[in-house]
Amino acid sequence: MPDVFKGLADPTRREILSLLKDRDLNVGEIAKHFPISMASLSHHLNILYEARLVTKIKKGQFVYYSLNTTIVEDVILKLVSLQKKEE
């Protein structure tokens, strides 16, 4: 779970996840939304992938990223379970 929180800690990575909630995108499509180098974007995507927050699949010459909703749901459930119960 620590990798998940590392993935969520950065605003750029959270914005990438927000973009992916609507549809799968390739690196070029994601890059259009950020004023950062491709190396920086690749670094962010790698952190998200290692945290299992995104999945990737190669289609032809493009790599498409998609939101891994299973991990996102697990994180939400974990956080909700930490709530103090009303007495």
N, C-alpha and C. Protein backbone atom coordinates (compact mmCIF):
# COMPACT_ATOMS: atom_id res chain seq x y z
N MET A 1 0.81 -1.21 0.00
CA MET A 1 0.00 0.00 0.00
C MET A 1 0.86 1.28 0.00
N PRO A 2 2.08 1.27 0.53
CA PRO A 2 2.88 2.51 0.50
C PRO A 2 3.10 3.05 -0.91
N ASP A 3 3.29 2.16 -1.90
CA ASP A 3 3.47 2.62 -3.28
C ASP A 3 2.23 3.35 -3.79
N VAL A 4 1.08 2.92 -3.36
CA VAL A 4 -0.16 3.58 -3.77
C VAL A 4 -0.19 5.01 -3.27
N PHE A 5 0.19 5.21 -2.01
CA PHE A 5 0.18 6.56 -1.46
C PHE A 5 1.25 7.43 -2.10
N LYS A 6 2.39 6.84 -2.47
CA LYS A 6 3.41 7.57 -3.21
C LYS A 6 2.85 8.00 -4.55
N GLY A 7 2.11 7.11 -5.19
CA GLY A 7 1.50 7.44 -6.48
C GLY A 7 0.49 8.56 -6.38
N LEU A 8 -0.23 8.60 -5.29
CA LEU A 8 -1.27 9.62 -5.10
C LEU A 8 -0.73 10.93 -4.54
N ALA A 9 0.50 10.93 -4.05
CA ALA A 9 1.05 12.09 -3.35
C ALA A 9 1.31 13.29 -4.24
N ASP A 10 1.52 13.07 -5.51
CA ASP A 10 1.90 14.16 -6.41
C ASP A 10 0.70 14.67 -7.21
N PRO A 11 0.55 16.00 -7.30
CA PRO A 11 -0.60 16.55 -8.04
C PRO A 11 -0.60 16.19 -9.53
N THR A 12 0.57 16.08 -10.13
CA THR A 12 0.63 15.69 -11.55
C THR A 12 0.10 14.28 -11.72
N ARG A 13 0.49 13.38 -10.83
CA ARG A 13 0.01 12.00 -10.94
C ARG A 13 -1.49 11.92 -10.67
N ARG A 14 -1.98 12.71 -9.75
CA ARG A 14 -3.44 12.71 -9.50
C ARG A 14 -4.18 13.22 -10.73
N GLU A 15 -3.61 14.20 -11.41
CA GLU A 15 -4.25 14.72 -12.64
C GLU A 15 -4.23 13.66 -13.75
N ILE A 16 -3.15 12.91 -13.84
CA ILE A 16 -3.09 11.82 -14.83
C ILE A 16 -4.20 10.81 -14.54
N LEU A 17 -4.37 10.45 -13.28
CA LEU A 17 -5.44 9.51 -12.91
C LEU A 17 -6.80 10.08 -13.28
N SER A 18 -6.97 11.37 -13.07
CA SER A 18 -8.25 12.01 -13.41
C SER A 18 -8.51 11.94 -14.91
N LEU A 19 -7.48 12.14 -15.71
CA LEU A 19 -7.64 12.02 -17.17
C LEU A 19 -8.03 10.60 -17.57
N LEU A 20 -7.47 9.63 -16.88
CA LEU A 20 -7.70 8.23 -17.25
C LEU A 20 -9.04 7.69 -16.77
N LYS A 21 -9.73 8.44 -15.93
CA LYS A 21 -11.02 7.93 -15.45
C LYS A 21 -12.06 7.90 -16.58
N ASP A 22 -11.87 8.71 -17.60
CA ASP A 22 -12.84 8.76 -18.70
C ASP A 22 -12.54 7.77 -19.83
N ARG A 23 -11.23 7.58 -20.10
CA ARG A 23 -10.87 6.65 -21.18
C ARG A 23 -9.38 6.36 -21.12
N ASP A 24 -8.98 5.28 -21.79
CA ASP A 24 -7.57 4.93 -21.91
C ASP A 24 -6.89 5.95 -22.82
N LEU A 25 -5.65 6.30 -22.47
CA LEU A 25 -4.90 7.27 -23.27
C LEU A 25 -3.48 6.76 -23.51
N ASN A 26 -2.92 7.15 -24.65
CA ASN A 26 -1.51 6.84 -24.87
C ASN A 26 -0.66 7.98 -24.32
N VAL A 27 0.64 7.76 -24.29
CA VAL A 27 1.55 8.72 -23.67
C VAL A 27 1.44 10.09 -24.34
N GLY A 28 1.35 10.12 -25.64
CA GLY A 28 1.23 11.39 -26.36
C GLY A 28 -0.03 12.15 -25.99
N GLU A 29 -1.13 11.44 -25.84
CA GLU A 29 -2.39 12.08 -25.46
C GLU A 29 -2.31 12.63 -24.03
N ILE A 30 -1.65 11.91 -23.16
CA ILE A 30 -1.48 12.39 -21.78
C ILE A 30 -0.57 13.61 -21.77
N ALA A 31 0.50 13.56 -22.56
CA ALA A 31 1.51 14.63 -22.58
C ALA A 31 0.91 15.98 -22.97
N LYS A 32 -0.13 15.98 -23.80
CA LYS A 32 -0.75 17.23 -24.24
C LYS A 32 -1.30 18.06 -23.08
N HIS A 33 -1.55 17.42 -21.95
CA HIS A 33 -2.16 18.09 -20.81
C HIS A 33 -1.15 18.64 -19.81
N PHE A 34 0.15 18.44 -20.05
CA PHE A 34 1.15 18.81 -19.06
C PHE A 34 2.34 19.53 -19.69
N PRO A 35 2.79 20.61 -19.05
CA PRO A 35 3.96 21.34 -19.56
C PRO A 35 5.27 20.77 -18.99
N ILE A 36 5.45 19.46 -19.10
CA ILE A 36 6.64 18.81 -18.56
C ILE A 36 7.29 17.98 -19.66
N SER A 37 8.53 17.63 -19.46
CA SER A 37 9.26 16.84 -20.46
C SER A 37 8.68 15.42 -20.52
N MET A 38 8.97 14.74 -21.63
CA MET A 38 8.53 13.36 -21.77
C MET A 38 9.22 12.48 -20.72
N ALA A 39 10.46 12.83 -20.36
CA ALA A 39 11.17 12.06 -19.34
C ALA A 39 10.45 12.18 -17.99
N SER A 40 10.01 13.38 -17.64
CA SER A 40 9.27 13.58 -16.39
C SER A 40 7.94 12.84 -16.42
N LEU A 41 7.24 12.94 -17.55
CA LEU A 41 5.96 12.24 -17.68
C LEU A 41 6.16 10.74 -17.56
N SER A 42 7.19 10.24 -18.20
CA SER A 42 7.49 8.81 -18.12
C SER A 42 7.76 8.39 -16.68
N HIS A 43 8.47 9.23 -15.94
CA HIS A 43 8.75 8.96 -14.53
C HIS A 43 7.44 8.87 -13.73
N HIS A 44 6.53 9.83 -13.94
CA HIS A 44 5.25 9.82 -13.25
C HIS A 44 4.44 8.58 -13.60
N LEU A 45 4.40 8.24 -14.88
CA LEU A 45 3.65 7.06 -15.31
C LEU A 45 4.25 5.78 -14.73
N ASN A 46 5.55 5.74 -14.62
CA ASN A 46 6.20 4.58 -14.04
C ASN A 46 5.84 4.40 -12.57
N ILE A 47 5.81 5.50 -11.84
CA ILE A 47 5.41 5.44 -10.42
C ILE A 47 3.97 4.95 -10.30
N LEU A 48 3.09 5.46 -11.14
CA LEU A 48 1.69 5.02 -11.12
C LEU A 48 1.57 3.54 -11.48
N TYR A 49 2.38 3.10 -12.43
CA TYR A 49 2.35 1.70 -12.84
C TYR A 49 2.89 0.79 -11.72
N GLU A 50 3.99 1.19 -11.12
CA GLU A 50 4.56 0.40 -10.02
C GLU A 50 3.61 0.32 -8.82
N ALA A 51 2.83 1.37 -8.64
CA ALA A 51 1.84 1.40 -7.55
C ALA A 51 0.57 0.64 -7.93
N ARG A 52 0.53 0.15 -9.17
CA ARG A 52 -0.62 -0.58 -9.72
C ARG A 52 -1.87 0.29 -9.80
N LEU A 53 -1.69 1.60 -9.84
CA LEU A 53 -2.82 2.51 -10.01
C LEU A 53 -3.25 2.60 -11.47
N VAL A 54 -2.32 2.26 -12.37
CA VAL A 54 -2.64 2.21 -13.79
C VAL A 54 -2.12 0.89 -14.36
N THR A 55 -2.73 0.50 -15.47
CA THR A 55 -2.23 -0.62 -16.24
C THR A 55 -1.80 -0.07 -17.59
N LYS A 56 -0.97 -0.82 -18.29
CA LYS A 56 -0.56 -0.37 -19.63
C LYS A 56 -0.56 -1.56 -20.58
N ILE A 57 -0.87 -1.24 -21.82
CA ILE A 57 -0.88 -2.26 -22.86
C ILE A 57 -0.35 -1.62 -24.14
N LYS A 58 0.49 -2.35 -24.82
CA LYS A 58 1.05 -1.86 -26.09
C LYS A 58 0.12 -2.26 -27.23
N LYS A 59 -0.28 -1.26 -28.01
CA LYS A 59 -1.11 -1.49 -29.19
C LYS A 59 -0.37 -0.88 -30.37
N GLY A 60 0.22 -1.72 -31.19
CA GLY A 60 1.03 -1.22 -32.29
C GLY A 60 2.26 -0.52 -31.73
N GLN A 61 2.46 0.72 -32.14
CA GLN A 61 3.62 1.47 -31.65
C GLN A 61 3.29 2.34 -30.45
N PHE A 62 2.07 2.28 -29.95
CA PHE A 62 1.66 3.11 -28.82
C PHE A 62 1.46 2.28 -27.56
N VAL A 63 1.75 2.90 -26.42
CA VAL A 63 1.46 2.29 -25.13
C VAL A 63 0.28 3.05 -24.54
N TYR A 64 -0.79 2.33 -24.24
CA TYR A 64 -1.99 2.93 -23.67
C TYR A 64 -2.06 2.64 -22.18
N TYR A 65 -2.42 3.67 -21.43
CA TYR A 65 -2.58 3.55 -19.99
C TYR A 65 -4.05 3.61 -19.64
N SER A 66 -4.43 2.85 -18.62
CA SER A 66 -5.81 2.90 -18.12
C SER A 66 -5.79 2.87 -16.61
N LEU A 67 -6.83 3.43 -16.02
CA LEU A 67 -6.98 3.47 -14.58
C LEU A 67 -7.30 2.07 -14.07
N ASN A 68 -6.58 1.64 -13.06
CA ASN A 68 -6.84 0.35 -12.43
C ASN A 68 -7.85 0.58 -11.32
N THR A 69 -9.12 0.45 -11.65
CA THR A 69 -10.18 0.77 -10.69
C THR A 69 -10.19 -0.17 -9.49
N THR A 70 -9.69 -1.37 -9.64
CA THR A 70 -9.66 -2.32 -8.52
C THR A 70 -8.80 -1.77 -7.39
N ILE A 71 -7.61 -1.27 -7.72
CA ILE A 71 -6.72 -0.72 -6.69
C ILE A 71 -7.33 0.54 -6.09
N VAL A 72 -7.92 1.39 -6.92
CA VAL A 72 -8.55 2.61 -6.42
C VAL A 72 -9.66 2.26 -5.43
N GLU A 73 -10.47 1.27 -5.77
CA GLU A 73 -11.54 0.84 -4.85
C GLU A 73 -10.96 0.28 -3.56
N ASP A 74 -9.88 -0.49 -3.65
CA ASP A 74 -9.23 -1.03 -2.45
C ASP A 74 -8.74 0.08 -1.53
N VAL A 75 -8.16 1.13 -2.12
CA VAL A 75 -7.67 2.26 -1.33
C VAL A 75 -8.83 2.96 -0.63
N ILE A 76 -9.91 3.17 -1.35
CA ILE A 76 -11.08 3.83 -0.77
C ILE A 76 -11.62 3.01 0.39
N LEU A 77 -11.74 1.71 0.19
CA LEU A 77 -12.25 0.85 1.27
C LEU A 77 -11.32 0.87 2.48
N LYS A 78 -10.02 0.88 2.23
CA LYS A 78 -9.05 0.92 3.32
C LYS A 78 -9.18 2.23 4.10
N LEU A 79 -9.32 3.33 3.40
CA LEU A 79 -9.46 4.62 4.07
C LEU A 79 -10.76 4.73 4.84
N VAL A 80 -11.83 4.22 4.27
CA VAL A 80 -13.13 4.25 4.95
C VAL A 80 -13.07 3.40 6.22
N SER A 81 -12.34 2.29 6.18
CA SER A 81 -12.26 1.43 7.34
C SER A 81 -11.51 2.09 8.49
N LEU A 82 -10.77 3.13 8.20
CA LEU A 82 -10.02 3.85 9.25
C LEU A 82 -10.87 4.88 9.97
N GLN A 83 -12.05 5.15 9.44
CA GLN A 83 -12.93 6.13 10.07
C GLN A 83 -13.33 5.66 11.46
N LYS A 84 -13.39 6.62 12.35
CA LYS A 84 -13.85 6.31 13.68
C LYS A 84 -15.36 6.09 13.64
N LYS A 85 -15.79 5.01 14.27
CA LYS A 85 -17.22 4.69 14.28
C LYS A 85 -17.95 5.58 15.28
N GLU A 86 -19.12 6.00 14.89
CA GLU A 86 -19.97 6.80 15.76
C GLU A 86 -20.48 5.93 16.90
N GLU A 87 -20.48 6.48 18.09
CA GLU A 87 -20.96 5.71 19.25
C GLU A 87 -22.36 6.13 19.63
